[in-house]
N, C-alpha and C. Protein backbone atom coordinates (compact mmCIF):
# COMPACT_ATOMS: atom_id res chain seq x y z
N MET A 1 -2.66 -10.78 20.24
CA MET A 1 -2.42 -10.99 18.82
C MET A 1 -1.70 -12.32 18.67
N SER A 2 -2.14 -13.11 17.74
CA SER A 2 -1.46 -14.36 17.43
C SER A 2 -1.12 -14.41 15.95
N VAL A 3 -0.06 -15.14 15.65
CA VAL A 3 0.42 -15.25 14.29
C VAL A 3 0.66 -16.71 13.96
N GLU A 4 0.16 -17.15 12.83
CA GLU A 4 0.42 -18.50 12.33
C GLU A 4 1.26 -18.37 11.07
N ILE A 5 2.34 -19.13 11.01
CA ILE A 5 3.25 -19.07 9.87
C ILE A 5 3.33 -20.45 9.24
N TYR A 6 3.21 -20.49 7.92
CA TYR A 6 3.22 -21.76 7.20
C TYR A 6 4.21 -21.74 6.04
N ASP A 7 4.83 -22.88 5.82
CA ASP A 7 5.65 -23.13 4.64
C ASP A 7 4.84 -24.11 3.80
N THR A 8 3.98 -23.60 2.95
CA THR A 8 3.01 -24.45 2.25
C THR A 8 3.62 -25.34 1.18
N ASN A 9 4.78 -24.97 0.64
CA ASN A 9 5.39 -25.81 -0.38
C ASN A 9 6.63 -26.53 0.15
N TYR A 10 6.87 -26.45 1.46
CA TYR A 10 7.93 -27.20 2.15
C TYR A 10 9.33 -26.94 1.60
N ASP A 11 9.61 -25.67 1.23
CA ASP A 11 10.93 -25.34 0.72
C ASP A 11 11.82 -24.66 1.77
N GLY A 12 11.30 -24.52 2.99
CA GLY A 12 12.06 -23.91 4.06
C GLY A 12 11.83 -22.42 4.23
N TRP A 13 10.97 -21.84 3.41
CA TRP A 13 10.66 -20.41 3.48
C TRP A 13 9.19 -20.22 3.80
N THR A 14 8.88 -19.17 4.53
CA THR A 14 7.50 -18.86 4.88
C THR A 14 6.73 -18.43 3.64
N ASP A 15 5.56 -19.04 3.43
CA ASP A 15 4.73 -18.73 2.28
C ASP A 15 3.39 -18.11 2.68
N THR A 16 2.94 -18.38 3.90
CA THR A 16 1.65 -17.88 4.36
C THR A 16 1.79 -17.39 5.80
N VAL A 17 1.26 -16.19 6.06
CA VAL A 17 1.24 -15.65 7.42
C VAL A 17 -0.20 -15.22 7.71
N LEU A 18 -0.76 -15.78 8.78
CA LEU A 18 -2.11 -15.42 9.20
C LEU A 18 -2.01 -14.74 10.55
N THR A 19 -2.55 -13.52 10.67
CA THR A 19 -2.43 -12.75 11.89
C THR A 19 -3.81 -12.40 12.44
N ASP A 20 -4.02 -12.72 13.71
CA ASP A 20 -5.24 -12.36 14.42
C ASP A 20 -4.92 -11.11 15.23
N THR A 21 -5.28 -9.94 14.71
CA THR A 21 -4.89 -8.68 15.33
C THR A 21 -5.78 -8.28 16.50
N ASN A 22 -7.01 -8.78 16.57
CA ASN A 22 -7.91 -8.37 17.65
C ASN A 22 -8.15 -9.47 18.68
N GLY A 23 -7.49 -10.62 18.53
CA GLY A 23 -7.57 -11.68 19.54
C GLY A 23 -8.86 -12.46 19.58
N ASP A 24 -9.63 -12.46 18.49
CA ASP A 24 -10.89 -13.20 18.50
C ASP A 24 -10.74 -14.64 17.99
N GLY A 25 -9.54 -15.04 17.64
CA GLY A 25 -9.31 -16.40 17.18
C GLY A 25 -9.36 -16.59 15.68
N TRP A 26 -9.65 -15.53 14.94
CA TRP A 26 -9.73 -15.59 13.49
C TRP A 26 -8.69 -14.66 12.88
N ALA A 27 -8.11 -15.07 11.77
CA ALA A 27 -7.10 -14.24 11.09
C ALA A 27 -7.77 -13.01 10.49
N ASP A 28 -7.21 -11.85 10.80
CA ASP A 28 -7.71 -10.59 10.26
C ASP A 28 -6.84 -10.09 9.12
N VAL A 29 -5.59 -10.52 9.10
CA VAL A 29 -4.68 -10.18 8.02
C VAL A 29 -4.07 -11.48 7.50
N GLU A 30 -4.23 -11.72 6.21
CA GLU A 30 -3.68 -12.92 5.57
C GLU A 30 -2.67 -12.47 4.53
N GLU A 31 -1.46 -13.00 4.61
CA GLU A 31 -0.41 -12.63 3.66
C GLU A 31 0.08 -13.90 2.97
N TYR A 32 0.20 -13.84 1.66
CA TYR A 32 0.58 -15.01 0.87
C TYR A 32 1.69 -14.68 -0.12
N ASP A 33 2.63 -15.60 -0.24
CA ASP A 33 3.63 -15.57 -1.31
C ASP A 33 3.14 -16.56 -2.34
N THR A 34 2.34 -16.09 -3.28
CA THR A 34 1.64 -16.99 -4.21
C THR A 34 2.54 -17.61 -5.26
N ASN A 35 3.66 -16.97 -5.58
CA ASN A 35 4.55 -17.55 -6.58
C ASN A 35 5.84 -18.11 -5.96
N TYR A 36 5.89 -18.15 -4.64
CA TYR A 36 7.00 -18.77 -3.89
C TYR A 36 8.37 -18.18 -4.23
N ASP A 37 8.42 -16.85 -4.39
CA ASP A 37 9.71 -16.20 -4.67
C ASP A 37 10.32 -15.55 -3.43
N GLY A 38 9.65 -15.68 -2.28
CA GLY A 38 10.17 -15.12 -1.04
C GLY A 38 9.58 -13.76 -0.68
N TYR A 39 8.68 -13.25 -1.51
CA TYR A 39 8.06 -11.96 -1.26
C TYR A 39 6.54 -12.11 -1.21
N ILE A 40 5.91 -11.39 -0.31
CA ILE A 40 4.46 -11.42 -0.19
C ILE A 40 3.84 -10.80 -1.43
N ASP A 41 2.89 -11.51 -2.04
CA ASP A 41 2.23 -11.05 -3.26
C ASP A 41 0.77 -10.69 -3.03
N THR A 42 0.17 -11.23 -1.99
CA THR A 42 -1.25 -11.02 -1.73
C THR A 42 -1.44 -10.73 -0.25
N VAL A 43 -2.18 -9.66 0.04
CA VAL A 43 -2.53 -9.32 1.42
C VAL A 43 -4.04 -9.11 1.47
N LEU A 44 -4.70 -9.87 2.33
CA LEU A 44 -6.15 -9.76 2.51
C LEU A 44 -6.41 -9.30 3.94
N THR A 45 -7.21 -8.24 4.10
CA THR A 45 -7.42 -7.65 5.42
C THR A 45 -8.90 -7.48 5.71
N ASP A 46 -9.31 -7.93 6.89
CA ASP A 46 -10.66 -7.71 7.41
C ASP A 46 -10.55 -6.54 8.38
N THR A 47 -10.80 -5.33 7.89
CA THR A 47 -10.56 -4.12 8.69
C THR A 47 -11.62 -3.89 9.76
N ASP A 48 -12.83 -4.39 9.57
CA ASP A 48 -13.88 -4.16 10.56
C ASP A 48 -14.20 -5.40 11.39
N TYR A 49 -13.40 -6.45 11.25
CA TYR A 49 -13.49 -7.67 12.07
C TYR A 49 -14.85 -8.36 12.00
N ASP A 50 -15.47 -8.34 10.82
CA ASP A 50 -16.76 -9.01 10.69
C ASP A 50 -16.65 -10.39 10.05
N GLY A 51 -15.43 -10.83 9.75
CA GLY A 51 -15.23 -12.14 9.17
C GLY A 51 -15.10 -12.14 7.66
N TYR A 52 -15.24 -10.98 7.05
CA TYR A 52 -15.15 -10.87 5.60
C TYR A 52 -14.01 -9.93 5.22
N ILE A 53 -13.32 -10.26 4.14
CA ILE A 53 -12.19 -9.44 3.67
C ILE A 53 -12.71 -8.11 3.15
N ASP A 54 -12.12 -7.01 3.62
CA ASP A 54 -12.52 -5.67 3.21
C ASP A 54 -11.54 -5.04 2.23
N VAL A 55 -10.26 -5.38 2.35
CA VAL A 55 -9.24 -4.81 1.48
C VAL A 55 -8.39 -5.95 0.93
N GLU A 56 -8.24 -5.98 -0.39
CA GLU A 56 -7.40 -6.96 -1.06
C GLU A 56 -6.28 -6.22 -1.78
N GLU A 57 -5.04 -6.64 -1.54
CA GLU A 57 -3.88 -6.01 -2.18
C GLU A 57 -3.10 -7.09 -2.92
N TYR A 58 -2.74 -6.80 -4.15
CA TYR A 58 -2.05 -7.79 -4.98
C TYR A 58 -0.84 -7.18 -5.69
N ASP A 59 0.21 -7.95 -5.78
CA ASP A 59 1.35 -7.64 -6.64
C ASP A 59 1.19 -8.55 -7.85
N THR A 60 0.43 -8.09 -8.82
CA THR A 60 0.05 -8.95 -9.94
C THR A 60 1.17 -9.23 -10.92
N ASN A 61 2.17 -8.35 -10.97
CA ASN A 61 3.29 -8.59 -11.89
C ASN A 61 4.55 -9.06 -11.15
N TYR A 62 4.42 -9.32 -9.85
CA TYR A 62 5.50 -9.89 -9.03
C TYR A 62 6.79 -9.09 -9.07
N ASP A 63 6.67 -7.74 -9.02
CA ASP A 63 7.87 -6.91 -9.00
C ASP A 63 8.23 -6.43 -7.60
N GLY A 64 7.48 -6.87 -6.60
CA GLY A 64 7.77 -6.49 -5.22
C GLY A 64 6.94 -5.34 -4.71
N TYR A 65 6.08 -4.79 -5.55
CA TYR A 65 5.23 -3.66 -5.16
C TYR A 65 3.76 -4.00 -5.41
N ILE A 66 2.92 -3.61 -4.46
CA ILE A 66 1.48 -3.81 -4.63
C ILE A 66 1.00 -2.92 -5.76
N ASP A 67 0.29 -3.49 -6.74
CA ASP A 67 -0.17 -2.70 -7.85
C ASP A 67 -1.69 -2.78 -8.05
N THR A 68 -2.37 -3.61 -7.30
CA THR A 68 -3.82 -3.70 -7.40
C THR A 68 -4.39 -3.71 -5.99
N VAL A 69 -5.33 -2.79 -5.72
CA VAL A 69 -5.99 -2.74 -4.43
C VAL A 69 -7.50 -2.76 -4.69
N VAL A 70 -8.20 -3.66 -4.01
CA VAL A 70 -9.65 -3.74 -4.10
C VAL A 70 -10.18 -3.48 -2.70
N ALA A 71 -11.01 -2.46 -2.56
CA ALA A 71 -11.54 -2.11 -1.23
C ALA A 71 -13.04 -2.00 -1.27
């Protein structure tokens, strides 16, 4: 498993985390802090490792809880 961590807005806090859970060189779980408040707001997961996102989770009102799931 490998993990890539990015500070996309250069404020010193992690904004993007890409995780390769099966070791094939591609991120299977993508986590984003889209509003840069320090909390993950978007999680995209490729559950069957085919290269396409299967589950999308969003905190659309930025309250710290996932409130929209698309599967």
